[in-house]
Amino acid sequence: MKKEAYIMRRASLALPMIALAAAFAGSPAAAELQAEDASLVPLFLQTCTSSTMTAEALLSGVTGSSEWQEVAAPTVDLKALEKVPSTLTTGAFRKPTSVREWTRTVSGRDVRLVIAQLPAKNVYRNVCALFAPDIKNAMPYFDAFRDGMKAISLSGKSTDLPHYVEYGGRLADRRRAHADMYSRTQAMTTPRTMHMAIVFE
């Protein structure tokens, strides 16, 4: 019963957004949406994806960069990355064994990066997420995100919501992975923050 109630709660979150997407898609406002900073998706792809997709490679890229400054006490609510219009991430971020957070300024924004490790019993073991504040809507970023996910062999799951898009499947070496983008993330306290995140084995 608890599982059924949880699924119903997720559905109640997703259905209004689907209705909104249908109404929004043909509106003048949709055509006028512009990305606040077109460099955000390339930054995520550069930082959180690689040809090998290993935690060691991602971490090495961040710690070897002078532009990322690690914060002493992470501010991210990692479990809140589950609070999206999807059931595919349910339980994915439980009980992290390590959480590290960095900051850098991108076009005047305080952009945050989080790399975390999850327990061995979890479906996914590694998390890499980028957070950008002051983003009105994720939709102008969807195309670049889609191209980046195709490059690492992930296919679309939810792709027609105004603030949310997700991809999943298996990487080239057959490890499972899931990635999403949400411009109403609850994982950071700053309003109108967008996250781009990937979890993988």
N, C-alpha and C. Protein backbone atom coordinates (compact mmCIF):
# COMPACT_ATOMS: atom_id res chain seq x y z
N MET A 1 0.82 -1.20 0.00
CA MET A 1 0.00 0.00 0.00
C MET A 1 0.86 1.26 0.00
N LYS A 2 1.96 1.22 0.75
CA LYS A 2 2.84 2.39 0.79
C LYS A 2 3.40 2.68 -0.60
N LYS A 3 3.78 1.59 -1.32
CA LYS A 3 4.34 1.78 -2.66
C LYS A 3 3.30 2.38 -3.59
N GLU A 4 2.04 1.89 -3.49
CA GLU A 4 0.98 2.41 -4.35
C GLU A 4 0.72 3.88 -4.04
N ALA A 5 0.72 4.22 -2.76
CA ALA A 5 0.49 5.62 -2.38
C ALA A 5 1.60 6.51 -2.91
N TYR A 6 2.83 5.99 -2.88
CA TYR A 6 3.96 6.77 -3.36
C TYR A 6 3.84 7.03 -4.86
N ILE A 7 3.47 5.98 -5.60
CA ILE A 7 3.31 6.13 -7.05
C ILE A 7 2.20 7.12 -7.37
N MET A 8 1.10 7.07 -6.60
CA MET A 8 0.00 8.00 -6.82
C MET A 8 0.44 9.43 -6.55
N ARG A 9 1.28 9.60 -5.52
CA ARG A 9 1.75 10.95 -5.21
C ARG A 9 2.62 11.48 -6.34
N ARG A 10 3.48 10.61 -6.90
CA ARG A 10 4.32 11.02 -8.03
C ARG A 10 3.46 11.37 -9.24
N ALA A 11 2.43 10.58 -9.47
CA ALA A 11 1.56 10.84 -10.61
C ALA A 11 0.83 12.16 -10.45
N SER A 12 0.43 12.48 -9.21
CA SER A 12 -0.27 13.74 -8.98
C SER A 12 0.62 14.93 -9.24
N LEU A 13 1.94 14.74 -9.08
CA LEU A 13 2.89 15.80 -9.39
C LEU A 13 3.10 15.94 -10.88
N ALA A 14 3.16 14.81 -11.58
CA ALA A 14 3.48 14.83 -13.01
C ALA A 14 2.31 15.26 -13.87
N LEU A 15 1.09 14.84 -13.55
CA LEU A 15 -0.05 15.11 -14.43
C LEU A 15 -0.32 16.59 -14.65
N PRO A 16 -0.32 17.43 -13.60
CA PRO A 16 -0.52 18.87 -13.87
C PRO A 16 0.56 19.45 -14.78
N MET A 17 1.79 18.95 -14.65
CA MET A 17 2.88 19.46 -15.49
C MET A 17 2.70 19.03 -16.93
N ILE A 18 2.18 17.82 -17.15
CA ILE A 18 1.92 17.36 -18.52
C ILE A 18 0.86 18.23 -19.17
N ALA A 19 -0.21 18.53 -18.40
CA ALA A 19 -1.27 19.40 -18.93
C ALA A 19 -0.73 20.78 -19.23
N LEU A 20 0.12 21.28 -18.33
CA LEU A 20 0.72 22.58 -18.55
C LEU A 20 1.61 22.58 -19.78
N ALA A 21 2.35 21.50 -19.98
CA ALA A 21 3.24 21.40 -21.15
C ALA A 21 2.44 21.47 -22.44
N ALA A 22 1.31 20.77 -22.49
CA ALA A 22 0.49 20.76 -23.70
C ALA A 22 -0.03 22.15 -24.02
N ALA A 23 -0.44 22.87 -22.99
CA ALA A 23 -0.95 24.22 -23.20
C ALA A 23 0.15 25.19 -23.54
N PHE A 24 1.33 24.96 -22.91
CA PHE A 24 2.44 25.89 -23.05
C PHE A 24 3.12 25.77 -24.42
N ALA A 25 3.16 24.55 -24.95
CA ALA A 25 3.95 24.29 -26.16
C ALA A 25 3.56 25.18 -27.33
N GLY A 26 2.27 25.46 -27.48
CA GLY A 26 1.83 26.25 -28.62
C GLY A 26 1.66 27.73 -28.31
N SER A 27 2.08 28.15 -27.14
CA SER A 27 1.88 29.54 -26.74
C SER A 27 3.00 30.43 -27.23
N PRO A 28 2.76 31.74 -27.37
CA PRO A 28 3.83 32.67 -27.74
C PRO A 28 4.96 32.67 -26.75
N ALA A 29 4.64 32.43 -25.46
CA ALA A 29 5.69 32.44 -24.43
C ALA A 29 6.73 31.37 -24.69
N ALA A 30 6.28 30.20 -25.18
CA ALA A 30 7.22 29.11 -25.44
C ALA A 30 8.23 29.51 -26.50
N ALA A 31 7.76 30.19 -27.53
CA ALA A 31 8.65 30.61 -28.61
C ALA A 31 9.64 31.67 -28.14
N GLU A 32 9.28 32.43 -27.10
CA GLU A 32 10.12 33.53 -26.64
C GLU A 32 11.15 33.09 -25.61
N LEU A 33 11.03 31.89 -25.08
CA LEU A 33 11.98 31.43 -24.06
C LEU A 33 13.39 31.38 -24.63
N GLN A 34 14.31 31.92 -23.89
CA GLN A 34 15.71 31.91 -24.28
C GLN A 34 16.54 31.39 -23.11
N ALA A 35 17.58 30.66 -23.43
CA ALA A 35 18.49 30.20 -22.38
C ALA A 35 19.20 31.38 -21.75
N GLU A 36 19.20 31.44 -20.44
CA GLU A 36 19.90 32.53 -19.74
C GLU A 36 21.40 32.46 -19.97
N ASP A 37 21.94 31.24 -20.07
CA ASP A 37 23.37 31.07 -20.29
C ASP A 37 23.59 29.75 -21.03
N ALA A 38 23.89 29.84 -22.31
CA ALA A 38 24.05 28.65 -23.14
C ALA A 38 25.27 27.82 -22.77
N SER A 39 26.12 28.33 -21.88
CA SER A 39 27.33 27.58 -21.51
C SER A 39 27.06 26.56 -20.40
N LEU A 40 25.86 26.57 -19.81
CA LEU A 40 25.60 25.71 -18.65
C LEU A 40 25.58 24.23 -19.00
N VAL A 41 24.88 23.86 -20.08
CA VAL A 41 24.84 22.44 -20.45
C VAL A 41 26.23 21.95 -20.87
N PRO A 42 26.97 22.67 -21.72
CA PRO A 42 28.33 22.22 -22.03
C PRO A 42 29.20 22.07 -20.78
N LEU A 43 29.01 22.96 -19.79
CA LEU A 43 29.78 22.84 -18.55
C LEU A 43 29.42 21.56 -17.82
N PHE A 44 28.13 21.25 -17.76
CA PHE A 44 27.71 19.99 -17.13
C PHE A 44 28.29 18.79 -17.86
N LEU A 45 28.20 18.79 -19.18
CA LEU A 45 28.70 17.66 -19.94
C LEU A 45 30.21 17.50 -19.80
N GLN A 46 30.92 18.61 -19.78
CA GLN A 46 32.36 18.58 -19.62
C GLN A 46 32.76 18.05 -18.24
N THR A 47 31.95 18.41 -17.23
CA THR A 47 32.31 18.10 -15.85
C THR A 47 31.78 16.75 -15.38
N CYS A 48 30.58 16.39 -15.82
CA CYS A 48 29.90 15.21 -15.28
C CYS A 48 29.81 14.03 -16.24
N THR A 49 30.34 14.16 -17.44
CA THR A 49 30.40 13.02 -18.36
C THR A 49 31.82 12.91 -18.91
N SER A 50 32.15 11.71 -19.31
CA SER A 50 33.47 11.49 -19.92
C SER A 50 33.40 10.22 -20.75
N SER A 51 34.44 9.95 -21.49
CA SER A 51 34.46 8.75 -22.33
C SER A 51 34.46 7.48 -21.49
N THR A 52 35.04 7.55 -20.30
CA THR A 52 35.11 6.38 -19.43
C THR A 52 33.98 6.34 -18.41
N MET A 53 33.40 7.47 -18.06
CA MET A 53 32.34 7.58 -17.06
C MET A 53 32.70 6.84 -15.77
N THR A 54 33.82 7.23 -15.20
CA THR A 54 34.20 6.70 -13.89
C THR A 54 34.23 7.85 -12.89
N ALA A 55 33.95 7.53 -11.64
CA ALA A 55 33.97 8.55 -10.59
C ALA A 55 35.37 9.17 -10.47
N GLU A 56 36.39 8.34 -10.66
CA GLU A 56 37.76 8.82 -10.54
C GLU A 56 38.08 9.86 -11.61
N ALA A 57 37.62 9.62 -12.83
CA ALA A 57 37.89 10.56 -13.92
C ALA A 57 37.18 11.89 -13.69
N LEU A 58 35.91 11.83 -13.24
CA LEU A 58 35.17 13.07 -12.99
C LEU A 58 35.80 13.86 -11.86
N LEU A 59 36.14 13.16 -10.79
CA LEU A 59 36.73 13.83 -9.63
C LEU A 59 38.08 14.44 -9.97
N SER A 60 38.86 13.75 -10.77
CA SER A 60 40.17 14.26 -11.17
C SER A 60 40.03 15.54 -11.98
N GLY A 61 39.02 15.59 -12.84
CA GLY A 61 38.80 16.79 -13.64
C GLY A 61 38.44 18.00 -12.81
N VAL A 62 37.69 17.77 -11.76
CA VAL A 62 37.25 18.89 -10.90
C VAL A 62 38.39 19.35 -9.99
N THR A 63 39.02 18.40 -9.32
CA THR A 63 40.08 18.78 -8.38
C THR A 63 41.31 19.33 -9.10
N GLY A 64 41.46 19.00 -10.37
CA GLY A 64 42.59 19.53 -11.14
C GLY A 64 42.32 20.88 -11.77
N SER A 65 41.12 21.43 -11.54
CA SER A 65 40.76 22.73 -12.11
C SER A 65 40.84 23.82 -11.05
N SER A 66 41.43 24.94 -11.40
CA SER A 66 41.52 26.06 -10.47
C SER A 66 40.21 26.85 -10.40
N GLU A 67 39.28 26.57 -11.32
CA GLU A 67 38.02 27.33 -11.35
C GLU A 67 37.01 26.83 -10.34
N TRP A 68 37.10 25.56 -9.98
CA TRP A 68 36.19 25.00 -8.96
C TRP A 68 36.83 25.12 -7.60
N GLN A 69 36.09 25.70 -6.66
CA GLN A 69 36.55 25.83 -5.28
C GLN A 69 35.66 24.99 -4.37
N GLU A 70 36.27 24.05 -3.66
CA GLU A 70 35.47 23.17 -2.81
C GLU A 70 35.00 23.91 -1.57
N VAL A 71 33.75 23.65 -1.18
CA VAL A 71 33.18 24.26 0.03
C VAL A 71 33.39 23.32 1.19
N ALA A 72 33.56 23.90 2.39
CA ALA A 72 33.86 23.09 3.57
C ALA A 72 32.68 22.23 4.00
N ALA A 73 31.48 22.80 3.88
CA ALA A 73 30.28 22.08 4.32
C ALA A 73 29.25 22.09 3.19
N PRO A 74 29.02 20.95 2.54
CA PRO A 74 28.05 20.89 1.44
C PRO A 74 26.66 21.36 1.86
N THR A 75 26.02 22.10 0.97
CA THR A 75 24.69 22.64 1.24
C THR A 75 23.59 21.86 0.52
N VAL A 76 23.96 20.95 -0.35
CA VAL A 76 22.98 20.21 -1.15
C VAL A 76 22.17 19.25 -0.28
N ASP A 77 20.89 19.14 -0.59
CA ASP A 77 20.04 18.09 -0.02
C ASP A 77 19.98 16.99 -1.08
N LEU A 78 20.90 16.05 -1.01
CA LEU A 78 21.06 15.08 -2.10
C LEU A 78 19.80 14.26 -2.32
N LYS A 79 19.14 13.86 -1.24
CA LYS A 79 17.94 13.04 -1.37
C LYS A 79 16.83 13.78 -2.11
N ALA A 80 16.84 15.12 -2.04
CA ALA A 80 15.81 15.91 -2.71
C ALA A 80 15.93 15.86 -4.23
N LEU A 81 17.01 15.31 -4.76
CA LEU A 81 17.10 15.09 -6.20
C LEU A 81 16.04 14.10 -6.68
N GLU A 82 15.47 13.34 -5.74
CA GLU A 82 14.37 12.43 -6.08
C GLU A 82 13.06 13.17 -6.33
N LYS A 83 12.96 14.40 -5.85
CA LYS A 83 11.68 15.13 -5.90
C LYS A 83 11.50 15.76 -7.28
N VAL A 84 11.23 14.90 -8.23
CA VAL A 84 11.03 15.29 -9.63
C VAL A 84 9.80 14.55 -10.16
N PRO A 85 9.28 14.96 -11.33
CA PRO A 85 8.10 14.29 -11.90
C PRO A 85 8.44 12.94 -12.54
N SER A 86 9.02 12.04 -11.77
CA SER A 86 9.42 10.74 -12.28
C SER A 86 9.46 9.74 -11.14
N THR A 87 9.24 8.48 -11.44
CA THR A 87 9.40 7.43 -10.43
C THR A 87 10.72 6.68 -10.61
N LEU A 88 11.47 7.01 -11.64
CA LEU A 88 12.67 6.25 -11.97
C LEU A 88 13.82 6.52 -11.00
N THR A 89 13.75 7.63 -10.25
CA THR A 89 14.83 7.95 -9.32
C THR A 89 14.47 7.60 -7.88
N THR A 90 13.35 6.95 -7.66
CA THR A 90 12.90 6.62 -6.31
C THR A 90 13.97 5.82 -5.56
N GLY A 91 14.43 6.36 -4.45
CA GLY A 91 15.41 5.67 -3.63
C GLY A 91 16.83 5.71 -4.15
N ALA A 92 17.05 6.41 -5.25
CA ALA A 92 18.38 6.37 -5.88
C ALA A 92 19.45 7.08 -5.06
N PHE A 93 19.05 8.04 -4.22
CA PHE A 93 20.04 8.88 -3.55
C PHE A 93 20.11 8.64 -2.04
N ARG A 94 19.68 7.47 -1.60
CA ARG A 94 19.65 7.16 -0.19
C ARG A 94 21.05 6.94 0.39
N LYS A 95 21.25 7.45 1.58
CA LYS A 95 22.42 7.15 2.41
C LYS A 95 23.75 7.28 1.66
N PRO A 96 24.06 8.45 1.13
CA PRO A 96 25.35 8.61 0.44
C PRO A 96 26.51 8.36 1.39
N THR A 97 27.55 7.75 0.89
CA THR A 97 28.73 7.50 1.71
C THR A 97 29.73 8.65 1.64
N SER A 98 29.57 9.49 0.62
CA SER A 98 30.45 10.66 0.47
C SER A 98 29.73 11.72 -0.35
N VAL A 99 29.79 12.97 0.11
CA VAL A 99 29.22 14.10 -0.63
C VAL A 99 30.22 15.24 -0.61
N ARG A 100 30.61 15.69 -1.80
CA ARG A 100 31.52 16.84 -1.90
C ARG A 100 30.88 17.88 -2.81
N GLU A 101 31.14 19.15 -2.51
CA GLU A 101 30.50 20.24 -3.25
C GLU A 101 31.53 21.32 -3.58
N TRP A 102 31.41 21.86 -4.79
CA TRP A 102 32.29 22.93 -5.25
C TRP A 102 31.46 24.10 -5.76
N THR A 103 32.09 25.25 -5.86
CA THR A 103 31.43 26.43 -6.39
C THR A 103 32.33 27.14 -7.39
N ARG A 104 31.71 27.79 -8.36
CA ARG A 104 32.43 28.67 -9.27
C ARG A 104 31.44 29.68 -9.83
N THR A 105 31.93 30.81 -10.29
CA THR A 105 31.08 31.85 -10.86
C THR A 105 31.05 31.70 -12.37
N VAL A 106 29.83 31.61 -12.91
CA VAL A 106 29.63 31.49 -14.35
C VAL A 106 28.64 32.57 -14.78
N SER A 107 29.11 33.52 -15.54
CA SER A 107 28.26 34.64 -16.00
C SER A 107 27.53 35.30 -14.83
N GLY A 108 28.23 35.48 -13.74
CA GLY A 108 27.65 36.14 -12.56
C GLY A 108 26.85 35.24 -11.65
N ARG A 109 26.67 33.98 -12.03
CA ARG A 109 25.91 33.04 -11.21
C ARG A 109 26.83 32.20 -10.33
N ASP A 110 26.37 31.92 -9.12
CA ASP A 110 27.07 31.01 -8.23
C ASP A 110 26.64 29.59 -8.57
N VAL A 111 27.40 28.95 -9.43
CA VAL A 111 27.08 27.59 -9.89
C VAL A 111 27.71 26.59 -8.93
N ARG A 112 26.94 25.58 -8.55
CA ARG A 112 27.41 24.57 -7.63
C ARG A 112 27.54 23.21 -8.33
N LEU A 113 28.53 22.46 -7.91
CA LEU A 113 28.76 21.12 -8.43
C LEU A 113 28.82 20.15 -7.25
N VAL A 114 28.17 19.02 -7.39
CA VAL A 114 28.18 18.00 -6.34
C VAL A 114 28.60 16.67 -6.95
N ILE A 115 29.53 16.01 -6.30
CA ILE A 115 29.91 14.64 -6.65
C ILE A 115 29.73 13.80 -5.39
N ALA A 116 28.99 12.72 -5.51
CA ALA A 116 28.70 11.88 -4.35
C ALA A 116 28.84 10.42 -4.70
N GLN A 117 29.11 9.63 -3.68
CA GLN A 117 29.14 8.18 -3.82
C GLN A 117 28.01 7.58 -2.98
N LEU A 118 27.43 6.50 -3.49
CA LEU A 118 26.30 5.84 -2.86
C LEU A 118 26.70 4.42 -2.45
N PRO A 119 25.93 3.81 -1.54
CA PRO A 119 26.29 2.48 -1.04
C PRO A 119 26.35 1.42 -2.14
N ALA A 120 27.13 0.38 -1.88
CA ALA A 120 27.35 -0.68 -2.87
C ALA A 120 26.05 -1.40 -3.23
N LYS A 121 25.08 -1.43 -2.32
CA LYS A 121 23.83 -2.14 -2.59
C LYS A 121 22.87 -1.35 -3.48
N ASN A 122 23.16 -0.06 -3.68
CA ASN A 122 22.29 0.76 -4.52
C ASN A 122 22.42 0.38 -6.00
N VAL A 123 21.35 0.64 -6.76
CA VAL A 123 21.40 0.41 -8.20
C VAL A 123 22.48 1.29 -8.83
N TYR A 124 22.51 2.55 -8.40
CA TYR A 124 23.52 3.49 -8.88
C TYR A 124 24.53 3.75 -7.77
N ARG A 125 25.78 3.97 -8.13
CA ARG A 125 26.84 4.16 -7.14
C ARG A 125 27.40 5.57 -7.14
N ASN A 126 27.23 6.31 -8.23
CA ASN A 126 27.89 7.61 -8.37
C ASN A 126 26.90 8.69 -8.81
N VAL A 127 27.09 9.89 -8.27
CA VAL A 127 26.24 11.04 -8.60
C VAL A 127 27.13 12.20 -9.01
N CYS A 128 26.75 12.88 -10.07
CA CYS A 128 27.38 14.15 -10.43
C CYS A 128 26.28 15.10 -10.82
N ALA A 129 26.20 16.25 -10.16
CA ALA A 129 25.10 17.18 -10.40
C ALA A 129 25.60 18.61 -10.42
N LEU A 130 25.05 19.38 -11.34
CA LEU A 130 25.36 20.81 -11.48
C LEU A 130 24.11 21.61 -11.16
N PHE A 131 24.26 22.69 -10.40
CA PHE A 131 23.14 23.52 -10.00
C PHE A 131 23.38 24.97 -10.43
N ALA A 132 22.41 25.54 -11.14
CA ALA A 132 22.52 26.92 -11.61
C ALA A 132 21.29 27.71 -11.16
N PRO A 133 21.46 28.83 -10.45
CA PRO A 133 20.32 29.62 -9.97
C PRO A 133 19.79 30.56 -11.04
N ASP A 134 18.61 31.12 -10.76
CA ASP A 134 18.00 32.14 -11.62
C ASP A 134 17.72 31.63 -13.03
N ILE A 135 17.15 30.44 -13.12
CA ILE A 135 16.76 29.86 -14.41
C ILE A 135 15.24 29.80 -14.46
N LYS A 136 14.64 30.48 -15.42
CA LYS A 136 13.18 30.53 -15.50
C LYS A 136 12.58 29.18 -15.88
N ASN A 137 13.19 28.53 -16.87
CA ASN A 137 12.61 27.30 -17.38
C ASN A 137 13.70 26.48 -18.06
N ALA A 138 13.66 25.17 -17.88
CA ALA A 138 14.69 24.31 -18.46
C ALA A 138 14.53 24.10 -19.96
N MET A 139 13.36 24.40 -20.51
CA MET A 139 13.08 24.05 -21.90
C MET A 139 14.12 24.54 -22.91
N PRO A 140 14.63 25.76 -22.80
CA PRO A 140 15.62 26.20 -23.80
C PRO A 140 16.93 25.40 -23.76
N TYR A 141 17.10 24.61 -22.70
CA TYR A 141 18.33 23.82 -22.55
C TYR A 141 18.14 22.36 -22.98
N PHE A 142 16.91 21.99 -23.33
CA PHE A 142 16.61 20.59 -23.61
C PHE A 142 17.41 20.02 -24.78
N ASP A 143 17.52 20.76 -25.87
CA ASP A 143 18.17 20.22 -27.07
C ASP A 143 19.64 19.89 -26.81
N ALA A 144 20.36 20.81 -26.17
CA ALA A 144 21.77 20.57 -25.89
C ALA A 144 21.94 19.41 -24.92
N PHE A 145 21.02 19.29 -23.96
CA PHE A 145 21.07 18.20 -22.99
C PHE A 145 20.81 16.86 -23.70
N ARG A 146 19.82 16.86 -24.59
CA ARG A 146 19.50 15.65 -25.35
C ARG A 146 20.71 15.17 -26.16
N ASP A 147 21.38 16.09 -26.83
CA ASP A 147 22.54 15.71 -27.64
C ASP A 147 23.64 15.13 -26.77
N GLY A 148 23.82 15.72 -25.58
CA GLY A 148 24.85 15.21 -24.67
C GLY A 148 24.53 13.83 -24.16
N MET A 149 23.25 13.57 -23.90
CA MET A 149 22.87 12.25 -23.40
C MET A 149 22.97 11.19 -24.50
N LYS A 150 22.62 11.55 -25.72
CA LYS A 150 22.78 10.62 -26.83
C LYS A 150 24.25 10.23 -27.00
N ALA A 151 25.14 11.17 -26.74
CA ALA A 151 26.57 10.91 -26.90
C ALA A 151 27.08 9.85 -25.92
N ILE A 152 26.36 9.66 -24.79
CA ILE A 152 26.78 8.63 -23.84
C ILE A 152 25.77 7.47 -23.82
N SER A 153 24.98 7.37 -24.89
CA SER A 153 24.10 6.22 -25.15
C SER A 153 22.83 6.19 -24.31
N LEU A 154 22.40 7.32 -23.74
CA LEU A 154 21.17 7.33 -22.96
C LEU A 154 20.02 7.83 -23.84
N SER A 155 18.83 7.29 -23.63
CA SER A 155 17.67 7.63 -24.44
C SER A 155 16.62 8.34 -23.59
N GLY A 156 15.72 9.08 -24.25
CA GLY A 156 14.74 9.89 -23.55
C GLY A 156 13.68 9.05 -22.84
N LYS A 157 13.29 9.50 -21.65
CA LYS A 157 12.21 8.87 -20.88
C LYS A 157 11.04 9.83 -20.74
N SER A 158 11.26 10.96 -20.07
CA SER A 158 10.24 12.01 -19.99
C SER A 158 10.81 13.23 -20.70
N THR A 159 10.20 13.62 -21.81
CA THR A 159 10.80 14.67 -22.62
C THR A 159 9.81 15.76 -23.02
N ASP A 160 8.62 15.78 -22.40
CA ASP A 160 7.61 16.74 -22.85
C ASP A 160 7.04 17.59 -21.72
N LEU A 161 7.77 17.75 -20.64
CA LEU A 161 7.32 18.57 -19.52
C LEU A 161 8.03 19.93 -19.57
N PRO A 162 7.39 20.99 -19.08
CA PRO A 162 7.97 22.33 -19.24
C PRO A 162 9.23 22.58 -18.41
N HIS A 163 9.38 21.89 -17.30
CA HIS A 163 10.54 22.14 -16.44
C HIS A 163 11.43 20.92 -16.27
N TYR A 164 11.07 19.82 -16.90
CA TYR A 164 11.76 18.56 -16.58
C TYR A 164 11.99 17.70 -17.82
N VAL A 165 13.16 17.06 -17.85
CA VAL A 165 13.47 16.10 -18.90
C VAL A 165 14.38 15.04 -18.29
N GLU A 166 14.22 13.79 -18.73
CA GLU A 166 15.07 12.73 -18.18
C GLU A 166 15.46 11.73 -19.26
N TYR A 167 16.61 11.10 -19.02
CA TYR A 167 17.16 10.11 -19.94
C TYR A 167 17.67 8.93 -19.12
N GLY A 168 17.67 7.76 -19.73
CA GLY A 168 18.14 6.59 -19.02
C GLY A 168 18.57 5.50 -19.97
N GLY A 169 19.05 4.42 -19.40
CA GLY A 169 19.51 3.29 -20.19
C GLY A 169 20.84 2.78 -19.70
N ARG A 170 21.66 2.36 -20.63
CA ARG A 170 22.97 1.82 -20.29
C ARG A 170 24.06 2.55 -21.06
N LEU A 171 25.17 2.76 -20.38
CA LEU A 171 26.32 3.38 -21.01
C LEU A 171 26.93 2.40 -22.02
N ALA A 172 27.95 2.84 -22.72
CA ALA A 172 28.55 2.00 -23.75
C ALA A 172 29.07 0.68 -23.19
N ASP A 173 29.50 0.69 -21.91
CA ASP A 173 30.02 -0.55 -21.30
C ASP A 173 28.93 -1.32 -20.56
N ARG A 174 27.65 -0.95 -20.78
CA ARG A 174 26.47 -1.63 -20.27
C ARG A 174 26.16 -1.33 -18.81
N ARG A 175 26.85 -0.42 -18.18
CA ARG A 175 26.45 0.02 -16.84
C ARG A 175 25.20 0.88 -16.92
N ARG A 176 24.34 0.74 -15.95
CA ARG A 176 23.10 1.52 -15.94
C ARG A 176 23.36 2.96 -15.54
N ALA A 177 22.57 3.86 -16.12
CA ALA A 177 22.71 5.29 -15.81
C ALA A 177 21.37 5.98 -16.00
N HIS A 178 21.20 7.08 -15.28
CA HIS A 178 19.99 7.91 -15.40
C HIS A 178 20.42 9.36 -15.27
N ALA A 179 19.87 10.22 -16.12
CA ALA A 179 20.21 11.64 -16.06
C ALA A 179 18.95 12.47 -16.20
N ASP A 180 18.92 13.61 -15.53
CA ASP A 180 17.77 14.50 -15.68
C ASP A 180 18.15 15.96 -15.52
N MET A 181 17.20 16.80 -15.91
CA MET A 181 17.32 18.25 -15.79
C MET A 181 15.99 18.76 -15.25
N TYR A 182 16.05 19.63 -14.23
CA TYR A 182 14.82 20.11 -13.60
C TYR A 182 15.03 21.54 -13.14
N SER A 183 14.22 22.45 -13.66
CA SER A 183 14.38 23.86 -13.29
C SER A 183 13.54 24.27 -12.09
N ARG A 184 13.07 23.28 -11.33
CA ARG A 184 12.39 23.55 -10.06
C ARG A 184 12.97 22.63 -8.98
N THR A 185 14.28 22.42 -9.03
CA THR A 185 14.91 21.49 -8.10
C THR A 185 14.68 21.92 -6.65
N GLN A 186 14.55 20.94 -5.79
CA GLN A 186 14.42 21.19 -4.35
C GLN A 186 15.68 20.79 -3.60
N ALA A 187 16.72 20.44 -4.35
CA ALA A 187 17.95 20.00 -3.71
C ALA A 187 18.82 21.16 -3.23
N MET A 188 18.50 22.39 -3.66
CA MET A 188 19.16 23.60 -3.19
C MET A 188 18.09 24.57 -2.70
N THR A 189 18.45 25.40 -1.74
CA THR A 189 17.47 26.32 -1.16
C THR A 189 17.24 27.57 -2.00
N THR A 190 18.16 27.90 -2.89
CA THR A 190 18.00 29.09 -3.73
C THR A 190 16.83 28.90 -4.69
N PRO A 191 15.86 29.83 -4.70
CA PRO A 191 14.71 29.68 -5.60
C PRO A 191 15.12 29.67 -7.07
N ARG A 192 14.31 29.00 -7.89
CA ARG A 192 14.50 28.95 -9.34
C ARG A 192 15.89 28.46 -9.72
N THR A 193 16.31 27.42 -9.02
CA THR A 193 17.57 26.78 -9.35
C THR A 193 17.30 25.57 -10.23
N MET A 194 18.08 25.42 -11.27
CA MET A 194 17.97 24.27 -12.17
C MET A 194 19.08 23.27 -11.84
N HIS A 195 18.74 22.01 -11.79
CA HIS A 195 19.79 21.00 -11.68
C HIS A 195 19.91 20.19 -12.96
N MET A 196 21.11 19.76 -13.23
CA MET A 196 21.41 18.74 -14.23
C MET A 196 22.19 17.67 -13.49
N ALA A 197 21.68 16.44 -13.53
CA ALA A 197 22.29 15.40 -12.72
C ALA A 197 22.39 14.09 -13.47
N ILE A 198 23.40 13.32 -13.13
CA ILE A 198 23.53 11.97 -13.68
C ILE A 198 23.93 11.04 -12.56
N VAL A 199 23.31 9.86 -12.52
CA VAL A 199 23.69 8.80 -11.59
C VAL A 199 24.04 7.58 -12.43
N PHE A 200 25.06 6.84 -12.00
CA PHE A 200 25.49 5.69 -12.80
C PHE A 200 26.17 4.66 -11.91
N GLU A 201 26.21 3.42 -12.43
CA GLU A 201 26.86 2.34 -11.71
C GLU A 201 28.37 2.56 -11.67
